[in-house]
């Protein structure tokens, strides 16, 4: 006794394999794209004066003010020059 008006909802809502695969590839492409953007942003930040200032401020904080760097120039991706570097124990 099958109801002639009933439909199989699992078939109607099942996504074709090709569509599932396309969504998977799009998701992977989106993830890789975000990862590439994050790496480029990190590289740019490391090469900036702001990145150097942040790291030096963090070092000063971690050493509880014992480390002092005066007039630092450069970036974390190249040479760093400072007029004075002192550590008071």
C-alpha atoms as a PDB file:
ATOM      1  CA  UNK A   1       0.000   0.000   0.000  1.00  0.00           C
ATOM      2  CA  UNK A   2       2.078   2.838  -1.286  1.00  0.00           C
ATOM      3  CA  UNK A   3       0.820   6.394  -1.214  1.00  0.00           C
ATOM      4  CA  UNK A   4       0.924   7.736  -4.765  1.00  0.00           C
ATOM      5  CA  UNK A   5       1.365  11.321  -3.568  1.00  0.00           C
ATOM      6  CA  UNK A   6       4.400  10.604  -1.383  1.00  0.00           C
ATOM      7  CA  UNK A   7       7.843  11.504  -2.704  1.00  0.00           C
ATOM      8  CA  UNK A   8      11.247  10.349  -1.643  1.00  0.00           C
ATOM      9  CA  UNK A   9      12.694  13.491  -0.013  1.00  0.00           C
ATOM     10  CA  UNK A  10      16.142  11.990   0.369  1.00  0.00           C
ATOM     11  CA  UNK A  11      16.523  11.854  -3.409  1.00  0.00           C
ATOM     12  CA  UNK A  12      15.228  15.371  -3.876  1.00  0.00           C
ATOM     13  CA  UNK A  13      17.668  16.809  -1.357  1.00  0.00           C
ATOM     14  CA  UNK A  14      20.627  14.666  -2.319  1.00  0.00           C
ATOM     15  CA  UNK A  15      23.328  16.733  -3.934  1.00  0.00           C
ATOM     16  CA  UNK A  16      24.805  15.339  -7.137  1.00  0.00           C
ATOM     17  CA  UNK A  17      28.362  14.077  -6.769  1.00  0.00           C
ATOM     18  CA  UNK A  18      29.655  16.634  -9.251  1.00  0.00           C
ATOM     19  CA  UNK A  19      28.120  19.496  -7.261  1.00  0.00           C
ATOM     20  CA  UNK A  20      29.568  18.160  -3.999  1.00  0.00           C
ATOM     21  CA  UNK A  21      32.988  17.898  -5.596  1.00  0.00           C
ATOM     22  CA  UNK A  22      32.726  21.442  -6.985  1.00  0.00           C
ATOM     23  CA  UNK A  23      31.788  22.798  -3.536  1.00  0.00           C
ATOM     24  CA  UNK A  24      34.711  20.916  -1.985  1.00  0.00           C
ATOM     25  CA  UNK A  25      37.158  22.384  -4.504  1.00  0.00           C
ATOM     26  CA  UNK A  26      35.707  25.878  -4.026  1.00  0.00           C
ATOM     27  CA  UNK A  27      36.080  25.508  -0.263  1.00  0.00           C
ATOM     28  CA  UNK A  28      39.662  24.343  -0.648  1.00  0.00           C
ATOM     29  CA  UNK A  29      40.421  27.199  -3.042  1.00  0.00           C
ATOM     30  CA  UNK A  30      38.919  29.686  -0.594  1.00  0.00           C
ATOM     31  CA  UNK A  31      40.988  28.274   2.269  1.00  0.00           C
ATOM     32  CA  UNK A  32      44.201  28.403   0.237  1.00  0.00           C
ATOM     33  CA  UNK A  33      43.366  31.951  -0.864  1.00  0.00           C
ATOM     34  CA  UNK A  34      42.887  33.096   2.725  1.00  0.00           C
ATOM     35  CA  UNK A  35      46.113  31.351   3.721  1.00  0.00           C
ATOM     36  CA  UNK A  36      48.062  33.078   0.924  1.00  0.00           C
ATOM     37  CA  UNK A  37      46.646  36.478   1.912  1.00  0.00           C
ATOM     38  CA  UNK A  38      47.578  35.854   5.556  1.00  0.00           C
ATOM     39  CA  UNK A  39      51.164  34.894   4.625  1.00  0.00           C
ATOM     40  CA  UNK A  40      51.533  37.988   2.419  1.00  0.00           C
ATOM     41  CA  UNK A  41      50.171  40.212   5.197  1.00  0.00           C
ATOM     42  CA  UNK A  42      52.546  38.652   7.742  1.00  0.00           C
ATOM     43  CA  UNK A  43      55.497  39.097   5.369  1.00  0.00           C
ATOM     44  CA  UNK A  44      54.576  42.756   4.830  1.00  0.00           C
ATOM     45  CA  UNK A  45      54.222  43.329   8.580  1.00  0.00           C
ATOM     46  CA  UNK A  46      57.570  41.661   9.333  1.00  0.00           C
ATOM     47  CA  UNK A  47      59.187  43.918   6.740  1.00  0.00           C
ATOM     48  CA  UNK A  48      57.712  47.070   8.237  1.00  0.00           C
ATOM     49  CA  UNK A  49      58.948  49.464  10.881  1.00  0.00           C
ATOM     50  CA  UNK A  50      55.765  48.754  12.853  1.00  0.00           C
ATOM     51  CA  UNK A  51      56.682  45.085  13.152  1.00  0.00           C
ATOM     52  CA  UNK A  52      60.104  45.975  14.533  1.00  0.00           C
ATOM     53  CA  UNK A  53      58.617  48.465  17.012  1.00  0.00           C
ATOM     54  CA  UNK A  54      56.084  45.875  18.190  1.00  0.00           C
ATOM     55  CA  UNK A  55      58.728  43.190  18.769  1.00  0.00           C
ATOM     56  CA  UNK A  56      61.043  45.604  20.594  1.00  0.00           C
ATOM     57  CA  UNK A  57      58.181  46.788  22.811  1.00  0.00           C
ATOM     58  CA  UNK A  58      57.310  43.152  23.530  1.00  0.00           C
ATOM     59  CA  UNK A  59      60.937  42.367  24.419  1.00  0.00           C
ATOM     60  CA  UNK A  60      61.018  45.339  26.763  1.00  0.00           C
ATOM     61  CA  UNK A  61      57.793  44.175  28.402  1.00  0.00           C
ATOM     62  CA  UNK A  62      58.987  40.571  28.718  1.00  0.00           C
ATOM     63  CA  UNK A  63      62.245  41.665  30.336  1.00  0.00           C
ATOM     64  CA  UNK A  64      60.266  43.922  32.698  1.00  0.00           C
ATOM     65  CA  UNK A  65      62.016  47.024  31.368  1.00  0.00           C
ATOM     66  CA  UNK A  66      65.557  45.705  31.764  1.00  0.00           C
ATOM     67  CA  UNK A  67      66.157  45.797  27.993  1.00  0.00           C
ATOM     68  CA  UNK A  68      66.237  49.217  26.344  1.00  0.00           C
ATOM     69  CA  UNK A  69      66.645  49.809  22.620  1.00  0.00           C
ATOM     70  CA  UNK A  70      67.084  53.373  21.415  1.00  0.00           C
ATOM     71  CA  UNK A  71      66.470  54.543  17.842  1.00  0.00           C
ATOM     72  CA  UNK A  72      66.064  51.137  16.193  1.00  0.00           C
ATOM     73  CA  UNK A  73      65.809  51.067  12.398  1.00  0.00           C
ATOM     74  CA  UNK A  74      65.300  48.316   9.859  1.00  0.00           C
ATOM     75  CA  UNK A  75      62.900  45.409   9.780  1.00  0.00           C
ATOM     76  CA  UNK A  76      62.626  41.888  11.052  1.00  0.00           C
ATOM     77  CA  UNK A  77      63.416  40.637   7.532  1.00  0.00           C
ATOM     78  CA  UNK A  78      66.634  42.618   7.168  1.00  0.00           C
ATOM     79  CA  UNK A  79      69.379  44.109   9.280  1.00  0.00           C
ATOM     80  CA  UNK A  80      68.376  45.973  12.413  1.00  0.00           C
ATOM     81  CA  UNK A  81      70.408  48.982  13.506  1.00  0.00           C
ATOM     82  CA  UNK A  82      70.073  50.648  16.893  1.00  0.00           C
ATOM     83  CA  UNK A  83      71.926  53.613  18.366  1.00  0.00           C
ATOM     84  CA  UNK A  84      71.932  52.046  21.808  1.00  0.00           C
ATOM     85  CA  UNK A  85      71.076  48.641  23.267  1.00  0.00           C
ATOM     86  CA  UNK A  86      71.278  48.306  27.051  1.00  0.00           C
ATOM     87  CA  UNK A  87      70.324  45.651  29.551  1.00  0.00           C
ATOM     88  CA  UNK A  88      70.168  46.665  33.196  1.00  0.00           C
ATOM     89  CA  UNK A  89      70.095  43.777  35.609  1.00  0.00           C
END
